[in-house]
Amino acid sequence: MISIGTLTACFILIGAVISGKSGIASQISSEMIIGIIASILCGIGAVYCSEYSRELSDRGWTSSMILSKRYVAIILISFIFTYDLIIPYFVENIIWILIVTFGGVLIPNYLLQKGIQYTNTFLVMMSLSFIPVFTFLFQLFDMRIQFSFVTAIGVSLLFICGISSLRDDEDN
């Protein structure tokens, strides 16, 4: 039931974006469709990554060992696509790159890996459903974004499913 509720909430939120009722005026475009498909594929990939990370953890790998292998392909592929831009861009944006690298990638992924190591992957994946809740709350203070009742319903459903998954995990 939690999975069905979470999927329903995701469809509500995707529908809000496509219909232009998400708080930000938008029109259907190829970029929007590509973004939605990429997000869905990212979610599927995150589940597989978490499952395999858990398997490695069960085999004795530390969080640091797993994370050190996780990003090798990303770095290589990124370099291939940006080899001609990377040096000037890096020099101009070093502070922001470091902030995003540590605050947005390394620390959260290390904590995520610790969560995968110490609990079941379903609970970890459901805890990630709180991300849209925080995003929605932060966006309430952004005057460029209008309040969206449809988005509030989708985010509330995600929150309820996330809390329910914590309760179900305690019951088991």
N, C-alpha and C. Protein backbone atom coordinates (compact mmCIF):
# COMPACT_ATOMS: atom_id res chain seq x y z
N MET A 1 0.83 -1.20 0.00
CA MET A 1 0.00 0.00 0.00
C MET A 1 0.88 1.26 0.00
N ILE A 2 1.99 1.20 0.74
CA ILE A 2 2.88 2.35 0.80
C ILE A 2 3.46 2.62 -0.58
N SER A 3 3.87 1.57 -1.28
CA SER A 3 4.44 1.74 -2.62
C SER A 3 3.42 2.31 -3.60
N ILE A 4 2.18 1.82 -3.51
CA ILE A 4 1.12 2.32 -4.39
C ILE A 4 0.83 3.79 -4.07
N GLY A 5 0.79 4.13 -2.79
CA GLY A 5 0.58 5.52 -2.40
C GLY A 5 1.69 6.43 -2.88
N THR A 6 2.92 5.96 -2.76
CA THR A 6 4.07 6.75 -3.21
C THR A 6 4.03 6.94 -4.72
N LEU A 7 3.72 5.88 -5.45
CA LEU A 7 3.61 5.98 -6.91
C LEU A 7 2.48 6.94 -7.30
N THR A 8 1.36 6.86 -6.59
CA THR A 8 0.23 7.76 -6.86
C THR A 8 0.65 9.21 -6.63
N ALA A 9 1.36 9.46 -5.52
CA ALA A 9 1.84 10.81 -5.23
C ALA A 9 2.76 11.31 -6.34
N CYS A 10 3.62 10.44 -6.83
CA CYS A 10 4.53 10.83 -7.93
C CYS A 10 3.74 11.18 -9.18
N PHE A 11 2.70 10.39 -9.49
CA PHE A 11 1.88 10.70 -10.66
C PHE A 11 1.13 12.03 -10.48
N ILE A 12 0.67 12.31 -9.27
CA ILE A 12 0.01 13.59 -8.99
C ILE A 12 0.99 14.74 -9.24
N LEU A 13 2.21 14.59 -8.74
CA LEU A 13 3.21 15.66 -8.90
C LEU A 13 3.63 15.83 -10.36
N ILE A 14 3.79 14.72 -11.08
CA ILE A 14 4.12 14.80 -12.51
C ILE A 14 2.96 15.46 -13.26
N GLY A 15 1.73 15.07 -12.91
CA GLY A 15 0.56 15.68 -13.54
C GLY A 15 0.49 17.17 -13.28
N ALA A 16 0.83 17.59 -12.07
CA ALA A 16 0.84 19.01 -11.74
C ALA A 16 1.83 19.78 -12.61
N VAL A 17 3.00 19.19 -12.82
CA VAL A 17 4.01 19.83 -13.67
C VAL A 17 3.51 19.92 -15.11
N ILE A 18 3.01 18.82 -15.64
CA ILE A 18 2.56 18.78 -17.04
C ILE A 18 1.39 19.73 -17.27
N SER A 19 0.47 19.81 -16.30
CA SER A 19 -0.70 20.67 -16.46
C SER A 19 -0.42 22.14 -16.15
N GLY A 20 0.77 22.43 -15.63
CA GLY A 20 1.11 23.81 -15.29
C GLY A 20 0.55 24.24 -13.95
N LYS A 21 0.15 23.29 -13.10
CA LYS A 21 -0.45 23.61 -11.80
C LYS A 21 0.49 23.32 -10.64
N SER A 22 1.79 23.35 -10.91
CA SER A 22 2.77 23.00 -9.88
C SER A 22 3.29 24.18 -9.09
N GLY A 23 2.80 25.37 -9.36
CA GLY A 23 3.30 26.55 -8.67
C GLY A 23 4.24 27.36 -9.55
N ILE A 24 4.71 26.73 -10.61
CA ILE A 24 5.57 27.41 -11.59
C ILE A 24 4.91 27.23 -12.95
N ALA A 25 4.61 28.33 -13.60
CA ALA A 25 3.97 28.24 -14.91
C ALA A 25 4.90 27.52 -15.88
N SER A 26 4.36 26.52 -16.56
CA SER A 26 5.18 25.77 -17.52
C SER A 26 4.28 25.25 -18.63
N GLN A 27 4.91 24.97 -19.74
CA GLN A 27 4.21 24.38 -20.88
C GLN A 27 4.92 23.09 -21.25
N ILE A 28 4.14 22.15 -21.75
CA ILE A 28 4.72 20.89 -22.17
C ILE A 28 5.72 21.15 -23.29
N SER A 29 6.92 20.61 -23.12
CA SER A 29 7.96 20.75 -24.13
C SER A 29 8.78 19.47 -24.15
N SER A 30 9.59 19.34 -25.17
CA SER A 30 10.44 18.15 -25.25
C SER A 30 11.42 18.11 -24.07
N GLU A 31 11.89 19.29 -23.64
CA GLU A 31 12.81 19.33 -22.50
C GLU A 31 12.12 18.83 -21.23
N MET A 32 10.83 19.21 -21.06
CA MET A 32 10.09 18.77 -19.88
C MET A 32 9.93 17.25 -19.90
N ILE A 33 9.56 16.70 -21.04
CA ILE A 33 9.38 15.25 -21.15
C ILE A 33 10.69 14.53 -20.91
N ILE A 34 11.78 15.04 -21.47
CA ILE A 34 13.09 14.43 -21.24
C ILE A 34 13.44 14.50 -19.76
N GLY A 35 13.15 15.62 -19.11
CA GLY A 35 13.42 15.76 -17.68
C GLY A 35 12.62 14.78 -16.84
N ILE A 36 11.35 14.60 -17.17
CA ILE A 36 10.51 13.66 -16.42
C ILE A 36 11.01 12.24 -16.61
N ILE A 37 11.31 11.87 -17.85
CA ILE A 37 11.83 10.52 -18.12
C ILE A 37 13.16 10.30 -17.40
N ALA A 38 14.04 11.31 -17.45
CA ALA A 38 15.33 11.20 -16.77
C ALA A 38 15.14 11.04 -15.27
N SER A 39 14.18 11.75 -14.70
CA SER A 39 13.91 11.64 -13.26
C SER A 39 13.40 10.26 -12.89
N ILE A 40 12.52 9.71 -13.71
CA ILE A 40 12.00 8.37 -13.46
C ILE A 40 13.13 7.34 -13.54
N LEU A 41 13.95 7.45 -14.58
CA LEU A 41 15.09 6.53 -14.72
C LEU A 41 16.07 6.70 -13.56
N CYS A 42 16.25 7.92 -13.10
CA CYS A 42 17.12 8.17 -11.95
C CYS A 42 16.58 7.46 -10.71
N GLY A 43 15.26 7.51 -10.50
CA GLY A 43 14.66 6.82 -9.37
C GLY A 43 14.87 5.32 -9.43
N ILE A 44 14.68 4.76 -10.61
CA ILE A 44 14.90 3.32 -10.80
C ILE A 44 16.37 2.98 -10.54
N GLY A 45 17.26 3.80 -11.07
CA GLY A 45 18.69 3.59 -10.85
C GLY A 45 19.07 3.70 -9.38
N ALA A 46 18.44 4.63 -8.66
CA ALA A 46 18.73 4.80 -7.23
C ALA A 46 18.35 3.55 -6.45
N VAL A 47 17.25 2.92 -6.83
CA VAL A 47 16.83 1.69 -6.16
C VAL A 47 17.86 0.59 -6.40
N TYR A 48 18.26 0.40 -7.65
CA TYR A 48 19.27 -0.62 -7.95
C TYR A 48 20.58 -0.31 -7.24
N CYS A 49 20.98 0.94 -7.25
CA CYS A 49 22.23 1.33 -6.59
C CYS A 49 22.16 1.02 -5.09
N SER A 50 21.02 1.31 -4.48
CA SER A 50 20.87 1.04 -3.05
C SER A 50 20.89 -0.45 -2.76
N GLU A 51 20.22 -1.23 -3.59
CA GLU A 51 20.21 -2.68 -3.39
C GLU A 51 21.62 -3.26 -3.49
N TYR A 52 22.36 -2.84 -4.52
CA TYR A 52 23.71 -3.36 -4.70
C TYR A 52 24.66 -2.82 -3.64
N SER A 53 24.44 -1.58 -3.19
CA SER A 53 25.26 -1.04 -2.11
C SER A 53 25.04 -1.84 -0.84
N ARG A 54 23.80 -2.22 -0.59
CA ARG A 54 23.49 -3.03 0.58
C ARG A 54 24.18 -4.39 0.49
N GLU A 55 24.15 -4.97 -0.70
CA GLU A 55 24.81 -6.26 -0.92
C GLU A 55 26.31 -6.14 -0.63
N LEU A 56 26.94 -5.08 -1.13
CA LEU A 56 28.37 -4.88 -0.87
C LEU A 56 28.62 -4.67 0.62
N SER A 57 27.74 -3.93 1.27
CA SER A 57 27.87 -3.71 2.71
C SER A 57 27.77 -5.03 3.46
N ASP A 58 26.84 -5.88 3.05
CA ASP A 58 26.69 -7.19 3.68
C ASP A 58 27.92 -8.07 3.47
N ARG A 59 28.66 -7.80 2.41
CA ARG A 59 29.87 -8.58 2.12
C ARG A 59 31.11 -7.99 2.79
N GLY A 60 30.92 -6.95 3.62
CA GLY A 60 32.03 -6.41 4.39
C GLY A 60 32.64 -5.13 3.86
N TRP A 61 32.11 -4.58 2.77
CA TRP A 61 32.64 -3.32 2.26
C TRP A 61 32.23 -2.19 3.20
N THR A 62 33.13 -1.25 3.42
CA THR A 62 32.79 -0.08 4.23
C THR A 62 32.08 0.95 3.35
N SER A 63 31.44 1.91 3.98
CA SER A 63 30.76 2.98 3.23
C SER A 63 31.74 3.73 2.34
N SER A 64 32.92 4.01 2.85
CA SER A 64 33.93 4.73 2.06
C SER A 64 34.36 3.92 0.84
N MET A 65 34.51 2.61 1.00
CA MET A 65 34.91 1.76 -0.13
C MET A 65 33.84 1.77 -1.22
N ILE A 66 32.58 1.69 -0.80
CA ILE A 66 31.48 1.68 -1.78
C ILE A 66 31.40 3.01 -2.50
N LEU A 67 31.44 4.11 -1.74
CA LEU A 67 31.33 5.43 -2.36
C LEU A 67 32.49 5.74 -3.30
N SER A 68 33.67 5.25 -2.97
CA SER A 68 34.82 5.53 -3.83
C SER A 68 34.68 4.89 -5.20
N LYS A 69 33.91 3.81 -5.29
CA LYS A 69 33.71 3.14 -6.59
C LYS A 69 32.47 3.66 -7.32
N ARG A 70 31.55 4.25 -6.58
CA ARG A 70 30.26 4.66 -7.13
C ARG A 70 30.37 5.74 -8.20
N TYR A 71 31.34 6.62 -8.06
CA TYR A 71 31.36 7.80 -8.93
C TYR A 71 32.42 7.77 -10.02
N VAL A 72 33.13 6.69 -10.14
CA VAL A 72 34.18 6.60 -11.16
C VAL A 72 33.60 6.79 -12.56
N ALA A 73 32.54 6.07 -12.90
CA ALA A 73 31.94 6.18 -14.23
C ALA A 73 31.36 7.58 -14.45
N ILE A 74 30.74 8.16 -13.43
CA ILE A 74 30.17 9.50 -13.56
C ILE A 74 31.27 10.51 -13.89
N ILE A 75 32.38 10.41 -13.21
CA ILE A 75 33.49 11.34 -13.44
C ILE A 75 34.03 11.16 -14.85
N LEU A 76 34.22 9.92 -15.29
CA LEU A 76 34.75 9.67 -16.64
C LEU A 76 33.79 10.16 -17.72
N ILE A 77 32.52 9.85 -17.59
CA ILE A 77 31.54 10.28 -18.59
C ILE A 77 31.43 11.81 -18.61
N SER A 78 31.41 12.43 -17.44
CA SER A 78 31.35 13.88 -17.37
C SER A 78 32.57 14.52 -18.04
N PHE A 79 33.73 13.94 -17.79
CA PHE A 79 34.94 14.48 -18.40
C PHE A 79 34.88 14.39 -19.93
N ILE A 80 34.38 13.28 -20.44
CA ILE A 80 34.27 13.10 -21.90
C ILE A 80 33.40 14.19 -22.51
N PHE A 81 32.30 14.53 -21.86
CA PHE A 81 31.38 15.53 -22.41
C PHE A 81 31.82 16.97 -22.16
N THR A 82 32.76 17.18 -21.23
CA THR A 82 33.14 18.56 -20.90
C THR A 82 34.64 18.83 -20.99
N TYR A 83 35.38 17.95 -21.63
CA TYR A 83 36.84 18.09 -21.62
C TYR A 83 37.32 19.45 -22.13
N ASP A 84 36.60 20.05 -23.06
CA ASP A 84 37.03 21.34 -23.62
C ASP A 84 36.64 22.53 -22.75
N LEU A 85 35.72 22.34 -21.80
CA LEU A 85 35.23 23.44 -20.97
C LEU A 85 35.68 23.36 -19.52
N ILE A 86 36.17 22.20 -19.12
CA ILE A 86 36.34 21.94 -17.70
C ILE A 86 37.34 22.87 -17.01
N ILE A 87 38.46 23.17 -17.60
CA ILE A 87 39.47 23.99 -16.92
C ILE A 87 38.97 25.42 -16.70
N PRO A 88 38.51 26.13 -17.74
CA PRO A 88 38.04 27.51 -17.47
C PRO A 88 36.82 27.54 -16.54
N TYR A 89 35.92 26.61 -16.70
CA TYR A 89 34.73 26.57 -15.86
C TYR A 89 35.11 26.28 -14.41
N PHE A 90 36.01 25.34 -14.22
CA PHE A 90 36.46 24.97 -12.88
C PHE A 90 37.10 26.15 -12.18
N VAL A 91 37.99 26.86 -12.88
CA VAL A 91 38.69 27.99 -12.28
C VAL A 91 37.70 29.10 -11.89
N GLU A 92 36.72 29.36 -12.73
CA GLU A 92 35.77 30.44 -12.47
C GLU A 92 34.78 30.10 -11.36
N ASN A 93 34.54 28.84 -11.11
CA ASN A 93 33.47 28.44 -10.19
C ASN A 93 33.93 27.53 -9.06
N ILE A 94 35.18 27.59 -8.69
CA ILE A 94 35.74 26.65 -7.73
C ILE A 94 35.00 26.64 -6.40
N ILE A 95 34.63 27.80 -5.88
CA ILE A 95 33.95 27.85 -4.58
C ILE A 95 32.61 27.13 -4.65
N TRP A 96 31.80 27.42 -5.68
CA TRP A 96 30.50 26.78 -5.81
C TRP A 96 30.64 25.29 -6.09
N ILE A 97 31.64 24.91 -6.83
CA ILE A 97 31.88 23.49 -7.10
C ILE A 97 32.18 22.76 -5.79
N LEU A 98 33.01 23.36 -4.95
CA LEU A 98 33.35 22.73 -3.67
C LEU A 98 32.14 22.66 -2.74
N ILE A 99 31.34 23.72 -2.70
CA ILE A 99 30.14 23.73 -1.85
C ILE A 99 29.17 22.63 -2.29
N VAL A 100 28.92 22.54 -3.59
CA VAL A 100 28.01 21.52 -4.11
C VAL A 100 28.60 20.13 -3.91
N THR A 101 29.90 19.98 -4.15
CA THR A 101 30.54 18.67 -4.00
C THR A 101 30.43 18.15 -2.58
N PHE A 102 30.76 18.98 -1.61
CA PHE A 102 30.73 18.51 -0.22
C PHE A 102 29.32 18.53 0.36
N GLY A 103 28.63 19.66 0.23
CA GLY A 103 27.31 19.80 0.85
C GLY A 103 26.19 19.09 0.13
N GLY A 104 26.32 18.94 -1.19
CA GLY A 104 25.24 18.37 -1.96
C GLY A 104 25.48 16.96 -2.47
N VAL A 105 26.74 16.51 -2.43
CA VAL A 105 27.03 15.17 -2.96
C VAL A 105 27.71 14.30 -1.91
N LEU A 106 28.88 14.68 -1.45
CA LEU A 106 29.65 13.79 -0.58
C LEU A 106 28.97 13.50 0.76
N ILE A 107 28.62 14.54 1.49
CA ILE A 107 28.03 14.33 2.81
C ILE A 107 26.68 13.61 2.72
N PRO A 108 25.73 14.08 1.86
CA PRO A 108 24.46 13.35 1.77
C PRO A 108 24.61 11.90 1.32
N ASN A 109 25.50 11.65 0.36
CA ASN A 109 25.66 10.28 -0.11
C ASN A 109 26.37 9.40 0.91
N TYR A 110 27.26 9.97 1.69
CA TYR A 110 27.89 9.20 2.77
C TYR A 110 26.84 8.81 3.80
N LEU A 111 25.98 9.77 4.17
CA LEU A 111 24.92 9.48 5.13
C LEU A 111 23.91 8.48 4.55
N LEU A 112 23.61 8.60 3.26
CA LEU A 112 22.73 7.64 2.60
C LEU A 112 23.33 6.24 2.65
N GLN A 113 24.62 6.15 2.38
CA GLN A 113 25.30 4.86 2.41
C GLN A 113 25.28 4.27 3.82
N LYS A 114 25.43 5.12 4.83
CA LYS A 114 25.34 4.64 6.22
C LYS A 114 23.94 4.12 6.51
N GLY A 115 22.93 4.83 6.00
CA GLY A 115 21.54 4.35 6.17
C GLY A 115 21.33 3.00 5.53
N ILE A 116 21.87 2.83 4.33
CA ILE A 116 21.76 1.55 3.62
C ILE A 116 22.47 0.45 4.40
N GLN A 117 23.60 0.81 5.00
CA GLN A 117 24.38 -0.17 5.74
C GLN A 117 23.65 -0.66 7.00
N TYR A 118 22.94 0.23 7.68
CA TYR A 118 22.37 -0.12 8.98
C TYR A 118 20.87 -0.42 8.98
N THR A 119 20.19 -0.28 7.85
CA THR A 119 18.76 -0.58 7.84
C THR A 119 18.38 -1.16 6.48
N ASN A 120 17.12 -1.51 6.30
CA ASN A 120 16.73 -2.10 5.02
C ASN A 120 16.57 -1.02 3.95
N THR A 121 16.77 -1.40 2.70
CA THR A 121 16.79 -0.43 1.61
C THR A 121 15.42 0.20 1.38
N PHE A 122 14.33 -0.51 1.67
CA PHE A 122 13.01 0.09 1.50
C PHE A 122 12.86 1.30 2.41
N LEU A 123 13.28 1.17 3.65
CA LEU A 123 13.20 2.28 4.58
C LEU A 123 14.05 3.46 4.10
N VAL A 124 15.24 3.16 3.60
CA VAL A 124 16.12 4.22 3.10
C VAL A 124 15.47 4.92 1.90
N MET A 125 14.94 4.15 0.97
CA MET A 125 14.31 4.75 -0.21
C MET A 125 13.07 5.56 0.18
N MET A 126 12.30 5.08 1.13
CA MET A 126 11.13 5.82 1.58
C MET A 126 11.53 7.10 2.30
N SER A 127 12.65 7.07 3.01
CA SER A 127 13.08 8.29 3.68
C SER A 127 13.45 9.36 2.66
N LEU A 128 13.83 8.94 1.47
CA LEU A 128 14.12 9.91 0.41
C LEU A 128 12.85 10.61 -0.08
N SER A 129 11.69 10.04 0.23
CA SER A 129 10.44 10.70 -0.17
C SER A 129 10.20 11.97 0.64
N PHE A 130 11.01 12.20 1.68
CA PHE A 130 10.89 13.44 2.43
C PHE A 130 11.56 14.61 1.70
N ILE A 131 12.38 14.34 0.71
CA ILE A 131 13.05 15.41 -0.04
C ILE A 131 12.04 16.37 -0.65
N PRO A 132 10.99 15.87 -1.35
CA PRO A 132 10.01 16.83 -1.89
C PRO A 132 9.28 17.62 -0.80
N VAL A 133 9.12 17.04 0.38
CA VAL A 133 8.46 17.76 1.48
C VAL A 133 9.31 18.97 1.87
N PHE A 134 10.61 18.74 2.05
CA PHE A 134 11.50 19.86 2.40
C PHE A 134 11.56 20.88 1.27
N THR A 135 11.64 20.41 0.04
CA THR A 135 11.68 21.31 -1.11
C THR A 135 10.42 22.17 -1.14
N PHE A 136 9.26 21.54 -0.96
CA PHE A 136 7.99 22.27 -0.96
C PHE A 136 7.97 23.32 0.14
N LEU A 137 8.40 22.95 1.34
CA LEU A 137 8.40 23.90 2.45
C LEU A 137 9.34 25.07 2.20
N PHE A 138 10.53 24.79 1.65
CA PHE A 138 11.46 25.87 1.34
C PHE A 138 10.90 26.79 0.26
N GLN A 139 10.19 26.20 -0.71
CA GLN A 139 9.64 27.00 -1.80
C GLN A 139 8.50 27.90 -1.35
N LEU A 140 7.90 27.61 -0.22
CA LEU A 140 6.85 28.49 0.29
C LEU A 140 7.39 29.89 0.60
N PHE A 141 8.69 29.98 0.84
CA PHE A 141 9.32 31.26 1.14
C PHE A 141 9.88 31.96 -0.10
N ASP A 142 9.76 31.33 -1.26
CA ASP A 142 10.25 31.89 -2.52
C ASP A 142 9.08 32.60 -3.21
N MET A 143 9.16 33.90 -3.29
CA MET A 143 8.06 34.69 -3.85
C MET A 143 7.84 34.45 -5.34
N ARG A 144 8.80 33.84 -6.01
CA ARG A 144 8.64 33.57 -7.45
C ARG A 144 7.72 32.37 -7.70
N ILE A 145 7.49 31.58 -6.67
CA ILE A 145 6.70 30.36 -6.80
C ILE A 145 5.36 30.55 -6.10
N GLN A 146 4.30 30.27 -6.81
CA GLN A 146 2.96 30.40 -6.23
C GLN A 146 2.58 29.09 -5.54
N PHE A 147 1.78 29.21 -4.49
CA PHE A 147 1.31 28.03 -3.79
C PHE A 147 0.46 27.19 -4.73
N SER A 148 0.68 25.88 -4.72
CA SER A 148 -0.08 24.96 -5.56
C SER A 148 -0.76 23.94 -4.67
N PHE A 149 -2.09 23.93 -4.72
CA PHE A 149 -2.86 22.97 -3.94
C PHE A 149 -2.59 21.54 -4.42
N VAL A 150 -2.45 21.36 -5.73
CA VAL A 150 -2.19 20.03 -6.28
C VAL A 150 -0.84 19.51 -5.78
N THR A 151 0.17 20.37 -5.81
CA THR A 151 1.49 19.98 -5.32
C THR A 151 1.42 19.67 -3.83
N ALA A 152 0.67 20.47 -3.08
CA ALA A 152 0.54 20.23 -1.64
C ALA A 152 -0.08 18.86 -1.37
N ILE A 153 -1.06 18.46 -2.19
CA ILE A 153 -1.69 17.14 -2.03
C ILE A 153 -0.66 16.04 -2.32
N GLY A 154 0.08 16.17 -3.43
CA GLY A 154 1.08 15.16 -3.78
C GLY A 154 2.18 15.05 -2.74
N VAL A 155 2.66 16.18 -2.26
CA VAL A 155 3.72 16.18 -1.25
C VAL A 155 3.19 15.62 0.07
N SER A 156 1.96 15.97 0.43
CA SER A 156 1.36 15.44 1.66
C SER A 156 1.22 13.93 1.60
N LEU A 157 0.81 13.42 0.43
CA LEU A 157 0.70 11.98 0.27
C LEU A 157 2.06 11.30 0.39
N LEU A 158 3.10 11.91 -0.18
CA LEU A 158 4.46 11.38 -0.01
C LEU A 158 4.85 11.36 1.46
N PHE A 159 4.53 12.43 2.16
CA PHE A 159 4.86 12.53 3.58
C PHE A 159 4.15 11.43 4.37
N ILE A 160 2.86 11.24 4.10
CA ILE A 160 2.08 10.21 4.79
C ILE A 160 2.66 8.82 4.50
N CYS A 161 3.02 8.57 3.25
CA CYS A 161 3.62 7.28 2.89
C CYS A 161 4.97 7.09 3.57
N GLY A 162 5.76 8.15 3.63
CA GLY A 162 7.06 8.07 4.29
C GLY A 162 6.92 7.77 5.77
N ILE A 163 6.00 8.45 6.44
CA ILE A 163 5.75 8.20 7.86
C ILE A 163 5.20 6.78 8.07
N SER A 164 4.31 6.36 7.17
CA SER A 164 3.74 5.01 7.28
C SER A 164 4.82 3.95 7.13
N SER A 165 5.80 4.20 6.25
CA SER A 165 6.86 3.21 6.08
C SER A 165 7.71 3.10 7.34
N LEU A 166 7.85 4.18 8.07
CA LEU A 166 8.59 4.12 9.34
C LEU A 166 7.81 3.32 10.36
N ARG A 167 6.51 3.50 10.42
CA ARG A 167 5.67 2.75 11.35
C ARG A 167 5.67 1.28 11.02
N ASP A 168 5.55 0.94 9.72
CA ASP A 168 5.55 -0.46 9.32
C ASP A 168 6.87 -1.13 9.64
N ASP A 169 7.98 -0.37 9.50
CA ASP A 169 9.28 -0.94 9.77
C ASP A 169 9.42 -1.25 11.27
N GLU A 170 8.85 -0.38 12.13
CA GLU A 170 8.92 -0.62 13.57
C GLU A 170 8.09 -1.85 13.96
N ASP A 171 6.98 -2.08 13.23
CA ASP A 171 6.10 -3.20 13.55
C ASP A 171 6.74 -4.55 13.19
N ASN A 172 7.67 -4.56 12.25
CA ASN A 172 8.27 -5.82 11.78
C ASN A 172 9.35 -6.30 12.70
